[in-house]
Protein backbone atom coordinates (compact mmCIF):
# COMPACT_ATOMS: atom_id res chain seq x y z
CA UNK A 1 -77.40 -71.81 -47.11
CA UNK A 2 -79.57 -68.82 -47.68
CA UNK A 3 -81.38 -68.17 -50.87
CA UNK A 4 -79.31 -65.18 -51.61
CA UNK A 5 -76.05 -67.16 -51.44
CA UNK A 6 -77.63 -69.97 -53.56
CA UNK A 7 -78.65 -67.33 -56.19
CA UNK A 8 -75.24 -65.72 -56.22
CA UNK A 9 -73.66 -69.16 -56.83
CA UNK A 10 -76.08 -69.92 -59.66
CA UNK A 11 -75.36 -66.53 -61.18
CA UNK A 12 -71.64 -67.09 -60.93
CA UNK A 13 -71.78 -70.46 -62.58
CA UNK A 14 -74.04 -69.10 -65.34
CA UNK A 15 -71.49 -66.29 -65.91
CA UNK A 16 -68.69 -68.74 -66.26
CA UNK A 17 -70.74 -70.94 -68.54
CA UNK A 18 -71.57 -68.02 -70.84
CA UNK A 19 -67.85 -67.04 -70.74
CA UNK A 20 -66.79 -70.53 -71.71
CA UNK A 21 -69.43 -70.62 -74.62
CA UNK A 22 -68.18 -67.34 -75.86
CA UNK A 23 -64.47 -68.48 -75.91
CA UNK A 24 -65.53 -71.66 -77.73
CA UNK A 25 -67.44 -69.67 -80.27
CA UNK A 26 -64.45 -67.37 -80.93
CA UNK A 27 -62.15 -70.41 -81.28
CA UNK A 28 -64.48 -72.06 -83.78
CA UNK A 29 -65.34 -69.01 -85.80
CA UNK A 30 -62.26 -66.92 -85.79
CA UNK A 31 -59.24 -69.05 -84.97
CA UNK A 32 -60.44 -72.28 -86.60
CA UNK A 33 -58.08 -74.97 -85.17
CA UNK A 34 -59.52 -78.01 -86.55
CA UNK A 35 -58.91 -81.69 -86.01
CA UNK A 36 -58.86 -83.27 -89.58
CA UNK A 37 -59.79 -87.08 -89.36
CA UNK A 38 -57.24 -89.62 -90.03
CA UNK A 39 -57.25 -93.43 -89.77
CA UNK A 40 -57.14 -93.36 -85.96
CA UNK A 41 -59.96 -90.65 -85.59
CA UNK A 42 -63.38 -91.55 -84.27
CA UNK A 43 -64.96 -88.75 -86.37
CA UNK A 44 -65.54 -88.55 -90.13
CA UNK A 45 -65.58 -84.84 -90.58
CA UNK A 46 -63.27 -82.04 -89.35
CA UNK A 47 -64.21 -80.97 -85.86
CA UNK A 48 -62.88 -77.99 -83.73
CA UNK A 49 -60.05 -78.58 -81.34
CA UNK A 50 -58.96 -76.50 -78.38
CA UNK A 51 -62.23 -76.58 -76.36
CA UNK A 52 -59.88 -77.34 -73.46
CA UNK A 53 -58.55 -73.83 -73.72
CA UNK A 54 -62.07 -72.51 -73.18
CA UNK A 55 -62.42 -74.81 -70.11
CA UNK A 56 -59.06 -73.80 -68.85
CA UNK A 57 -59.66 -70.08 -69.20
CA UNK A 58 -63.04 -70.29 -67.50
CA UNK A 59 -61.52 -72.30 -64.72
CA UNK A 60 -58.64 -69.79 -64.29
CA UNK A 61 -61.02 -66.81 -64.19
CA UNK A 62 -63.42 -68.59 -61.75
CA UNK A 63 -60.58 -69.42 -59.46
CA UNK A 64 -59.21 -65.82 -59.66
CA UNK A 65 -62.71 -64.31 -58.84
CA UNK A 66 -63.17 -66.85 -55.85
CA UNK A 67 -59.51 -66.01 -54.64
CA UNK A 68 -60.20 -62.26 -54.76
CA UNK A 69 -63.73 -62.21 -53.39
CA UNK A 70 -63.69 -65.03 -50.85
CA UNK A 71 -63.35 -64.05 -47.16
CA UNK A 72 -61.21 -67.15 -46.40
CA UNK A 73 -59.32 -69.85 -48.23
CA UNK A 74 -59.22 -73.57 -47.61
CA UNK A 75 -55.55 -74.02 -48.49
CA UNK A 76 -52.42 -71.94 -47.91
CA UNK A 77 -51.54 -69.43 -50.60
CA UNK A 78 -48.35 -71.06 -51.72
CA UNK A 79 -50.27 -74.40 -52.42
CA UNK A 80 -52.99 -72.42 -54.16
CA UNK A 81 -50.48 -70.60 -56.36
CA UNK A 82 -48.63 -73.91 -57.13
CA UNK A 83 -52.04 -75.45 -58.06
CA UNK A 84 -52.92 -72.60 -60.43
CA UNK A 85 -49.49 -72.39 -61.93
CA UNK A 86 -49.41 -76.06 -62.70
CA UNK A 87 -52.80 -75.99 -64.17
CA UNK A 88 -51.82 -72.97 -66.36
CA UNK A 89 -48.68 -74.81 -67.54
CA UNK A 90 -50.68 -77.94 -68.47
CA UNK A 91 -53.28 -75.73 -70.34
CA UNK A 92 -50.50 -74.08 -72.31
CA UNK A 93 -48.75 -77.40 -73.18
CA UNK A 94 -52.08 -78.91 -74.17
CA UNK A 95 -52.88 -75.83 -76.40
CA UNK A 96 -49.45 -76.15 -78.01
CA UNK A 97 -50.16 -79.81 -78.59
CA UNK A 98 -53.45 -78.94 -80.38
CA UNK A 99 -51.35 -76.64 -82.70
CA UNK A 100 -48.26 -78.81 -83.28
CA UNK A 101 -48.88 -82.39 -82.09
CA UNK A 102 -46.15 -82.89 -79.59
CA UNK A 103 -44.85 -86.30 -78.51
CA UNK A 104 -46.74 -88.36 -76.02
CA UNK A 105 -43.68 -88.27 -73.75
CA UNK A 106 -43.80 -84.49 -73.34
CA UNK A 107 -47.49 -84.63 -72.68
CA UNK A 108 -47.08 -87.26 -70.10
CA UNK A 109 -44.24 -85.46 -68.37
CA UNK A 110 -46.17 -82.18 -68.38
CA UNK A 111 -49.06 -83.85 -66.62
């Protein structure tokens, strides 16, 4: 691997990290979806939820950039689209669960 390729990968990862941090900051400061402690909680004060949304969004954007800019892919397009679609569906169901606490059965089936 050349130094240029290495630095390009480091820059790409740094951009994705900053994007994830920005999404988390917006979620905490603007949307304020909080997990209020209850008898089953491991925390004593309310903590922000939906950090997974920042991770999922960063993942989707990273995969999209790689898909658009890569000169070759390792898997066929139909498998790639199936993977991205299923990851998106799981992220949506998980975010909905953060908002409304859906049943364990629905979460298990979705995953």
